[in-house]
């Protein structure tokens, strides 16, 4: 029984290390950007949270600063931006989010398939497969970013 518990702990440590690696891999490969995609609409809100005089007469910023779905995210990013540069806050947030997605996916796959290899593969696919981003350019194949298209390509 003790060997079984030690083996489980070893597998969980392996999966945790893999999740950390997956969380750090996209930035190391240059797959991250600042001020693009969904960040473009969050940055003015964060800057307003840091400085109440920022874009006072802007309708979008003023309307979204009231209580709504962006309130907590804006507050969290602004809290981080008080101690470090905003691009670094977005980078760390992305790394932590990818790492947690990999960790939860690997634990779920381990529970379902009872295989550490299947858990690592599931986490890798979950993190490295790009999600569909609003505003992606479907006319340019280099910018096509929908998961379904990438997965269909992987099947061939």
N, C-alpha and C. Protein backbone atom coordinates (compact mmCIF):
# COMPACT_ATOMS: atom_id res chain seq x y z
N UNK A 1 0.82 -1.19 0.00
CA UNK A 1 0.00 0.00 0.00
C UNK A 1 0.87 1.26 0.00
N UNK A 2 1.98 1.24 0.75
CA UNK A 2 2.85 2.42 0.82
C UNK A 2 3.52 2.68 -0.53
N UNK A 3 3.90 1.61 -1.23
CA UNK A 3 4.51 1.79 -2.55
C UNK A 3 3.51 2.40 -3.52
N UNK A 4 2.25 2.03 -3.37
CA UNK A 4 1.22 2.57 -4.24
C UNK A 4 1.07 4.08 -4.01
N UNK A 5 1.09 4.49 -2.76
CA UNK A 5 0.98 5.92 -2.46
C UNK A 5 2.21 6.67 -2.94
N UNK A 6 3.38 6.06 -2.78
CA UNK A 6 4.60 6.71 -3.26
C UNK A 6 4.60 6.81 -4.79
N UNK A 7 4.10 5.80 -5.43
CA UNK A 7 4.02 5.83 -6.89
C UNK A 7 3.05 6.91 -7.35
N UNK A 8 1.92 7.05 -6.67
CA UNK A 8 0.97 8.12 -7.00
C UNK A 8 1.59 9.49 -6.82
N UNK A 9 2.32 9.67 -5.73
CA UNK A 9 2.98 10.96 -5.49
C UNK A 9 4.03 11.25 -6.56
N UNK A 10 4.76 10.22 -6.97
CA UNK A 10 5.76 10.41 -8.02
C UNK A 10 5.11 10.81 -9.34
N UNK A 11 4.00 10.16 -9.66
CA UNK A 11 3.29 10.48 -10.90
C UNK A 11 2.73 11.90 -10.83
N UNK A 12 2.18 12.28 -9.69
CA UNK A 12 1.64 13.64 -9.55
C UNK A 12 2.74 14.69 -9.64
N UNK A 13 3.91 14.40 -9.08
CA UNK A 13 5.04 15.34 -9.21
C UNK A 13 5.49 15.44 -10.66
N UNK A 14 5.51 14.32 -11.36
CA UNK A 14 5.86 14.32 -12.78
C UNK A 14 4.86 15.15 -13.58
N UNK A 15 3.58 14.96 -13.30
CA UNK A 15 2.56 15.72 -14.01
C UNK A 15 2.62 17.21 -13.65
N UNK A 16 2.95 17.53 -12.41
CA UNK A 16 3.09 18.94 -12.02
C UNK A 16 4.28 19.58 -12.75
N UNK A 17 5.38 18.86 -12.84
CA UNK A 17 6.55 19.38 -13.57
C UNK A 17 6.22 19.56 -15.05
N UNK A 18 5.48 18.63 -15.60
CA UNK A 18 5.06 18.74 -17.01
C UNK A 18 4.14 19.94 -17.19
N UNK A 19 3.25 20.19 -16.24
CA UNK A 19 2.34 21.34 -16.32
C UNK A 19 3.12 22.65 -16.26
N UNK A 20 4.12 22.71 -15.40
CA UNK A 20 4.95 23.92 -15.32
C UNK A 20 5.69 24.12 -16.65
N UNK A 21 6.23 23.06 -17.19
CA UNK A 21 6.92 23.14 -18.48
C UNK A 21 5.98 23.64 -19.57
N UNK A 22 4.76 23.08 -19.62
CA UNK A 22 3.79 23.51 -20.63
C UNK A 22 3.36 24.95 -20.42
N UNK A 23 3.30 25.39 -19.18
CA UNK A 23 2.95 26.77 -18.90
C UNK A 23 4.01 27.74 -19.39
N UNK A 24 5.28 27.32 -19.35
CA UNK A 24 6.38 28.18 -19.76
C UNK A 24 6.77 28.02 -21.23
N UNK A 25 6.33 26.96 -21.86
CA UNK A 25 6.76 26.67 -23.23
C UNK A 25 6.33 27.72 -24.26
N UNK A 26 5.05 28.10 -24.34
CA UNK A 26 4.68 29.08 -25.38
C UNK A 26 5.46 30.39 -25.32
N UNK A 27 5.68 31.00 -24.14
CA UNK A 27 6.50 32.22 -24.14
C UNK A 27 7.94 31.97 -24.58
N UNK A 28 8.48 30.82 -24.21
CA UNK A 28 9.85 30.51 -24.60
C UNK A 28 9.98 30.32 -26.11
N UNK A 29 8.91 29.86 -26.74
CA UNK A 29 8.92 29.67 -28.19
C UNK A 29 8.48 30.93 -28.94
N UNK A 30 8.15 31.97 -28.21
CA UNK A 30 7.73 33.22 -28.84
C UNK A 30 6.30 33.20 -29.32
N UNK A 31 5.45 32.38 -28.70
CA UNK A 31 4.06 32.27 -29.11
C UNK A 31 3.16 33.22 -28.33
N UNK A 32 3.71 34.24 -27.72
CA UNK A 32 2.91 35.19 -26.97
C UNK A 32 3.05 36.57 -27.58
N UNK A 33 2.10 37.42 -27.31
CA UNK A 33 2.16 38.78 -27.81
C UNK A 33 1.55 39.70 -26.77
N UNK A 34 1.83 40.98 -26.88
CA UNK A 34 1.28 41.96 -25.96
C UNK A 34 0.49 42.99 -26.75
N UNK A 35 -0.68 43.33 -26.25
CA UNK A 35 -1.49 44.36 -26.89
C UNK A 35 -2.24 43.91 -28.11
N UNK A 36 -2.45 42.63 -28.27
CA UNK A 36 -3.20 42.11 -29.40
C UNK A 36 -4.37 41.29 -28.90
N UNK A 37 -5.21 40.90 -29.82
CA UNK A 37 -6.36 40.04 -29.55
C UNK A 37 -7.22 40.60 -28.43
N UNK A 38 -7.51 39.84 -27.38
CA UNK A 38 -8.42 40.33 -26.36
C UNK A 38 -7.76 41.31 -25.39
N UNK A 39 -6.44 41.42 -25.39
CA UNK A 39 -5.78 42.38 -24.52
C UNK A 39 -6.05 43.82 -24.95
N UNK A 40 -6.29 44.02 -26.22
CA UNK A 40 -6.44 45.37 -26.74
C UNK A 40 -7.61 46.09 -26.08
N UNK A 41 -8.63 45.36 -25.68
CA UNK A 41 -9.76 46.02 -25.01
C UNK A 41 -9.60 46.04 -23.50
N UNK A 42 -8.67 45.28 -22.95
CA UNK A 42 -8.46 45.28 -21.50
C UNK A 42 -7.46 46.35 -21.05
N UNK A 43 -6.50 46.66 -21.89
CA UNK A 43 -5.43 47.58 -21.49
C UNK A 43 -5.96 48.95 -21.08
N UNK A 44 -6.88 49.59 -21.84
CA UNK A 44 -7.39 50.88 -21.37
C UNK A 44 -8.11 50.80 -20.03
N UNK A 45 -8.80 49.70 -19.77
CA UNK A 45 -9.50 49.54 -18.50
C UNK A 45 -8.50 49.40 -17.35
N UNK A 46 -7.43 48.68 -17.58
CA UNK A 46 -6.41 48.52 -16.54
C UNK A 46 -5.72 49.86 -16.29
N UNK A 47 -5.42 50.59 -17.36
CA UNK A 47 -4.78 51.89 -17.18
C UNK A 47 -5.70 52.86 -16.46
N UNK A 48 -7.01 52.78 -16.68
CA UNK A 48 -7.95 53.62 -15.94
C UNK A 48 -7.99 53.22 -14.47
N UNK A 49 -7.92 51.92 -14.20
CA UNK A 49 -7.90 51.47 -12.80
C UNK A 49 -6.64 51.96 -12.09
N UNK A 50 -5.54 52.05 -12.82
CA UNK A 50 -4.30 52.55 -12.23
C UNK A 50 -4.31 54.07 -12.07
N UNK A 51 -4.95 54.76 -13.01
CA UNK A 51 -5.00 56.23 -13.00
C UNK A 51 -6.42 56.67 -13.31
N UNK A 52 -7.19 57.13 -12.32
CA UNK A 52 -8.59 57.52 -12.53
C UNK A 52 -8.76 58.65 -13.56
N UNK A 53 -7.72 59.38 -13.88
CA UNK A 53 -7.81 60.46 -14.86
C UNK A 53 -7.53 60.02 -16.28
N UNK A 54 -7.30 58.73 -16.50
CA UNK A 54 -6.97 58.22 -17.83
C UNK A 54 -8.24 58.08 -18.68
N UNK A 55 -8.27 58.71 -19.84
CA UNK A 55 -9.38 58.64 -20.80
C UNK A 55 -10.75 58.86 -20.12
N UNK A 56 -10.87 59.96 -19.42
CA UNK A 56 -12.09 60.24 -18.66
C UNK A 56 -13.30 60.37 -19.56
N UNK A 57 -13.15 60.94 -20.74
CA UNK A 57 -14.29 61.18 -21.62
C UNK A 57 -14.51 60.07 -22.65
N UNK A 58 -13.78 58.99 -22.55
CA UNK A 58 -13.95 57.88 -23.49
C UNK A 58 -15.14 57.03 -23.07
N UNK A 59 -16.08 56.85 -24.01
CA UNK A 59 -17.32 56.13 -23.68
C UNK A 59 -17.05 54.67 -23.32
N UNK A 60 -16.23 53.98 -24.12
CA UNK A 60 -15.96 52.55 -23.88
C UNK A 60 -15.34 52.34 -22.50
N UNK A 61 -14.34 53.12 -22.18
CA UNK A 61 -13.65 52.95 -20.90
C UNK A 61 -14.59 53.29 -19.74
N UNK A 62 -15.31 54.41 -19.87
CA UNK A 62 -16.21 54.81 -18.78
C UNK A 62 -17.35 53.81 -18.59
N UNK A 63 -17.90 53.30 -19.67
CA UNK A 63 -19.01 52.35 -19.56
C UNK A 63 -18.56 51.02 -18.97
N UNK A 64 -17.35 50.61 -19.26
CA UNK A 64 -16.88 49.31 -18.77
C UNK A 64 -16.22 49.38 -17.40
N UNK A 65 -16.06 50.56 -16.85
CA UNK A 65 -15.46 50.66 -15.52
C UNK A 65 -16.49 50.44 -14.42
N UNK A 66 -17.77 50.48 -14.77
CA UNK A 66 -18.78 50.17 -13.76
C UNK A 66 -18.76 48.67 -13.51
N UNK A 67 -19.50 48.23 -12.50
CA UNK A 67 -19.52 46.82 -12.14
C UNK A 67 -20.02 45.98 -13.30
N UNK A 68 -19.26 45.00 -13.69
CA UNK A 68 -19.63 44.12 -14.80
C UNK A 68 -18.69 42.94 -14.86
N UNK A 69 -18.74 42.19 -15.96
CA UNK A 69 -17.93 40.98 -16.06
C UNK A 69 -16.42 41.24 -16.08
N UNK A 70 -15.99 42.44 -16.44
CA UNK A 70 -14.56 42.74 -16.51
C UNK A 70 -14.01 43.31 -15.21
N UNK A 71 -14.85 43.60 -14.25
CA UNK A 71 -14.43 44.30 -13.04
C UNK A 71 -13.33 43.56 -12.30
N UNK A 72 -13.52 42.29 -12.02
CA UNK A 72 -12.56 41.56 -11.21
C UNK A 72 -11.27 41.30 -11.96
N UNK A 73 -11.37 40.97 -13.24
CA UNK A 73 -10.17 40.75 -14.05
C UNK A 73 -9.35 42.04 -14.15
N UNK A 74 -10.02 43.15 -14.40
CA UNK A 74 -9.32 44.44 -14.48
C UNK A 74 -8.64 44.77 -13.16
N UNK A 75 -9.34 44.53 -12.06
CA UNK A 75 -8.76 44.79 -10.74
C UNK A 75 -7.55 43.91 -10.46
N UNK A 76 -7.62 42.65 -10.84
CA UNK A 76 -6.51 41.74 -10.61
C UNK A 76 -5.29 42.13 -11.43
N UNK A 77 -5.50 42.45 -12.70
CA UNK A 77 -4.39 42.87 -13.56
C UNK A 77 -3.81 44.19 -13.08
N UNK A 78 -4.67 45.12 -12.68
CA UNK A 78 -4.19 46.41 -12.16
C UNK A 78 -3.39 46.23 -10.87
N UNK A 79 -3.81 45.29 -10.04
CA UNK A 79 -3.06 45.00 -8.82
C UNK A 79 -1.65 44.52 -9.15
N UNK A 80 -1.55 43.63 -10.12
CA UNK A 80 -0.23 43.16 -10.54
C UNK A 80 0.58 44.26 -11.20
N UNK A 81 -0.10 45.15 -11.94
CA UNK A 81 0.59 46.23 -12.66
C UNK A 81 1.13 47.30 -11.71
N UNK A 82 0.69 47.28 -10.48
CA UNK A 82 1.24 48.24 -9.49
C UNK A 82 2.65 47.85 -9.06
N UNK A 83 3.00 46.58 -9.21
CA UNK A 83 4.32 46.13 -8.75
C UNK A 83 5.24 45.69 -9.88
N UNK A 84 4.70 45.51 -11.09
CA UNK A 84 5.54 45.11 -12.22
C UNK A 84 4.95 45.67 -13.51
N UNK A 85 5.72 45.71 -14.58
CA UNK A 85 5.21 46.25 -15.85
C UNK A 85 4.01 45.44 -16.37
N UNK A 86 3.10 46.13 -17.02
CA UNK A 86 1.88 45.50 -17.53
C UNK A 86 2.14 44.33 -18.48
N UNK A 87 3.10 44.43 -19.43
CA UNK A 87 3.36 43.26 -20.28
C UNK A 87 3.78 42.02 -19.48
N UNK A 88 4.53 42.24 -18.41
CA UNK A 88 4.94 41.12 -17.58
C UNK A 88 3.76 40.51 -16.83
N UNK A 89 2.82 41.34 -16.42
CA UNK A 89 1.61 40.84 -15.75
C UNK A 89 0.82 39.94 -16.70
N UNK A 90 0.64 40.39 -17.94
CA UNK A 90 -0.07 39.56 -18.92
C UNK A 90 0.71 38.27 -19.20
N UNK A 91 2.02 38.35 -19.30
CA UNK A 91 2.84 37.17 -19.57
C UNK A 91 2.73 36.16 -18.42
N UNK A 92 2.87 36.64 -17.19
CA UNK A 92 2.76 35.74 -16.03
C UNK A 92 1.35 35.15 -15.92
N UNK A 93 0.35 35.97 -16.20
CA UNK A 93 -1.03 35.46 -16.17
C UNK A 93 -1.25 34.36 -17.18
N UNK A 94 -0.70 34.55 -18.38
CA UNK A 94 -0.83 33.52 -19.42
C UNK A 94 -0.10 32.24 -19.03
N UNK A 95 1.09 32.39 -18.46
CA UNK A 95 1.86 31.21 -18.04
C UNK A 95 1.13 30.45 -16.93
N UNK A 96 0.62 31.17 -15.95
CA UNK A 96 -0.10 30.52 -14.85
C UNK A 96 -1.37 29.85 -15.38
N UNK A 97 -2.10 30.53 -16.25
CA UNK A 97 -3.34 29.95 -16.79
C UNK A 97 -3.05 28.68 -17.58
N UNK A 98 -2.02 28.73 -18.44
CA UNK A 98 -1.67 27.52 -19.22
C UNK A 98 -1.21 26.39 -18.30
N UNK A 99 -0.43 26.73 -17.30
CA UNK A 99 0.03 25.71 -16.35
C UNK A 99 -1.11 25.07 -15.59
N UNK A 100 -2.06 25.88 -15.14
CA UNK A 100 -3.20 25.33 -14.42
C UNK A 100 -4.10 24.50 -15.32
N UNK A 101 -4.27 24.95 -16.56
CA UNK A 101 -5.06 24.15 -17.51
C UNK A 101 -4.38 22.81 -17.74
N UNK A 102 -3.06 22.82 -17.90
CA UNK A 102 -2.33 21.56 -18.09
C UNK A 102 -2.44 20.67 -16.87
N UNK A 103 -2.34 21.25 -15.68
CA UNK A 103 -2.40 20.48 -14.43
C UNK A 103 -3.77 19.81 -14.27
N UNK A 104 -4.83 20.58 -14.43
CA UNK A 104 -6.18 20.04 -14.27
C UNK A 104 -6.49 19.00 -15.36
N UNK A 105 -6.07 19.29 -16.58
CA UNK A 105 -6.30 18.34 -17.68
C UNK A 105 -5.56 17.04 -17.43
N UNK A 106 -4.32 17.13 -16.98
CA UNK A 106 -3.55 15.90 -16.74
C UNK A 106 -4.13 15.09 -15.59
N UNK A 107 -4.58 15.75 -14.52
CA UNK A 107 -5.19 15.01 -13.41
C UNK A 107 -6.50 14.35 -13.84
N UNK A 108 -7.29 15.05 -14.65
CA UNK A 108 -8.54 14.47 -15.14
C UNK A 108 -8.26 13.28 -16.06
N UNK A 109 -7.30 13.44 -16.97
CA UNK A 109 -6.96 12.34 -17.87
C UNK A 109 -6.37 11.16 -17.11
N UNK A 110 -5.59 11.43 -16.07
CA UNK A 110 -5.04 10.35 -15.25
C UNK A 110 -6.17 9.58 -14.56
N UNK A 111 -7.15 10.32 -14.07
CA UNK A 111 -8.29 9.68 -13.42
C UNK A 111 -9.11 8.85 -14.42
N UNK A 112 -9.29 9.39 -15.62
CA UNK A 112 -10.11 8.69 -16.62
C UNK A 112 -9.40 7.51 -17.27
N UNK A 113 -8.13 7.69 -17.63
CA UNK A 113 -7.43 6.68 -18.41
C UNK A 113 -6.42 5.85 -17.62
N UNK A 114 -6.13 6.27 -16.40
CA UNK A 114 -5.18 5.55 -15.53
C UNK A 114 -3.81 5.38 -16.17
N UNK A 115 -3.41 6.35 -16.97
CA UNK A 115 -2.13 6.28 -17.65
C UNK A 115 -1.42 7.63 -17.57
N UNK A 116 -0.23 7.68 -16.99
CA UNK A 116 0.51 8.96 -16.94
C UNK A 116 0.84 9.49 -18.34
N UNK A 117 1.12 8.60 -19.28
CA UNK A 117 1.41 9.04 -20.64
C UNK A 117 0.19 9.69 -21.28
N UNK A 118 -0.98 9.08 -21.11
CA UNK A 118 -2.22 9.67 -21.64
C UNK A 118 -2.49 11.02 -20.98
N UNK A 119 -2.19 11.12 -19.69
CA UNK A 119 -2.39 12.39 -18.98
C UNK A 119 -1.48 13.47 -19.53
N UNK A 120 -0.22 13.13 -19.80
CA UNK A 120 0.72 14.11 -20.35
C UNK A 120 0.33 14.50 -21.77
N UNK A 121 -0.10 13.55 -22.56
CA UNK A 121 -0.53 13.85 -23.93
C UNK A 121 -1.77 14.74 -23.94
N UNK A 122 -2.72 14.44 -23.07
CA UNK A 122 -3.94 15.26 -23.00
C UNK A 122 -3.61 16.69 -22.59
N UNK A 123 -2.72 16.85 -21.62
CA UNK A 123 -2.34 18.19 -21.19
C UNK A 123 -1.60 18.94 -22.29
N UNK A 124 -0.75 18.24 -23.00
CA UNK A 124 -0.01 18.86 -24.09
C UNK A 124 -0.94 19.34 -25.19
N UNK A 125 -1.89 18.50 -25.57
CA UNK A 125 -2.85 18.89 -26.61
C UNK A 125 -3.71 20.06 -26.13
N UNK A 126 -4.13 20.03 -24.87
CA UNK A 126 -4.98 21.11 -24.35
C UNK A 126 -4.27 22.45 -24.35
N UNK A 127 -2.99 22.46 -24.04
CA UNK A 127 -2.26 23.72 -23.92
C UNK A 127 -1.73 24.20 -25.26
N UNK A 128 -1.22 23.31 -26.07
CA UNK A 128 -0.57 23.73 -27.30
C UNK A 128 -1.50 23.89 -28.49
N UNK A 129 -2.73 23.45 -28.37
CA UNK A 129 -3.70 23.65 -29.44
C UNK A 129 -4.28 25.04 -29.28
N UNK A 130 -4.16 25.85 -30.31
CA UNK A 130 -4.64 27.22 -30.22
C UNK A 130 -6.16 27.26 -30.20
N UNK A 131 -6.70 28.18 -29.42
CA UNK A 131 -8.14 28.38 -29.36
C UNK A 131 -8.56 29.36 -30.44
N UNK A 132 -9.82 29.34 -30.76
CA UNK A 132 -10.34 30.29 -31.74
C UNK A 132 -10.38 31.68 -31.12
N UNK A 133 -9.83 32.64 -31.80
CA UNK A 133 -9.75 34.00 -31.31
C UNK A 133 -10.66 34.87 -32.15
N UNK A 134 -11.47 35.68 -31.51
CA UNK A 134 -12.33 36.59 -32.26
C UNK A 134 -11.46 37.53 -33.08
N UNK A 135 -11.82 37.71 -34.31
CA UNK A 135 -11.09 38.64 -35.16
C UNK A 135 -9.94 38.00 -35.92
N UNK A 136 -9.81 36.68 -35.87
CA UNK A 136 -8.73 36.07 -36.63
C UNK A 136 -9.04 36.17 -38.12
N UNK A 137 -8.02 36.24 -38.91
CA UNK A 137 -8.16 36.48 -40.34
C UNK A 137 -8.24 35.15 -41.07
N UNK A 138 -9.45 34.75 -41.43
CA UNK A 138 -9.64 33.46 -42.08
C UNK A 138 -9.14 33.47 -43.52
N UNK A 139 -8.91 34.65 -44.11
CA UNK A 139 -8.42 34.72 -45.48
C UNK A 139 -6.92 34.45 -45.57
N UNK A 140 -6.21 34.65 -44.49
CA UNK A 140 -4.77 34.43 -44.45
C UNK A 140 -4.48 33.11 -43.74
N UNK A 141 -4.03 32.07 -44.45
CA UNK A 141 -3.83 30.77 -43.80
C UNK A 141 -2.79 30.79 -42.68
N UNK A 142 -1.87 31.75 -42.70
CA UNK A 142 -0.90 31.84 -41.62
C UNK A 142 -1.54 32.35 -40.34
N UNK A 143 -2.66 33.04 -40.46
CA UNK A 143 -3.32 33.61 -39.29
C UNK A 143 -4.57 32.84 -38.90
N UNK A 144 -4.90 31.78 -39.60
CA UNK A 144 -6.08 30.99 -39.27
C UNK A 144 -5.86 30.33 -37.92
N UNK A 145 -6.73 30.60 -36.99
CA UNK A 145 -6.42 30.20 -35.62
C UNK A 145 -7.53 29.43 -34.95
N UNK A 146 -8.36 28.77 -35.67
CA UNK A 146 -9.44 28.03 -35.04
C UNK A 146 -8.98 26.62 -34.71
N UNK A 147 -9.31 26.17 -33.52
CA UNK A 147 -8.89 24.85 -33.04
C UNK A 147 -9.35 23.75 -33.97
N UNK A 148 -10.58 23.85 -34.44
CA UNK A 148 -11.12 22.76 -35.27
C UNK A 148 -10.29 22.59 -36.54
N UNK A 149 -9.83 23.69 -37.12
CA UNK A 149 -9.02 23.58 -38.33
C UNK A 149 -7.67 22.96 -38.03
N UNK A 150 -7.08 23.31 -36.89
CA UNK A 150 -5.78 22.76 -36.54
C UNK A 150 -5.89 21.27 -36.23
N UNK A 151 -6.94 20.89 -35.51
CA UNK A 151 -7.12 19.48 -35.19
C UNK A 151 -7.40 18.67 -36.44
N UNK A 152 -8.16 19.24 -37.37
CA UNK A 152 -8.44 18.52 -38.62
C UNK A 152 -7.14 18.33 -39.40
N UNK A 153 -6.28 19.31 -39.37
CA UNK A 153 -4.99 19.20 -40.06
C UNK A 153 -4.12 18.13 -39.41
N UNK A 154 -4.19 18.01 -38.08
CA UNK A 154 -3.37 17.01 -37.38
C UNK A 154 -3.80 15.59 -37.70
N UNK A 155 -5.06 15.42 -38.09
CA UNK A 155 -5.54 14.07 -38.40
C UNK A 155 -4.97 13.53 -39.70
N UNK A 156 -4.51 14.43 -40.57
CA UNK A 156 -3.99 13.98 -41.87
C UNK A 156 -2.55 13.66 -41.78
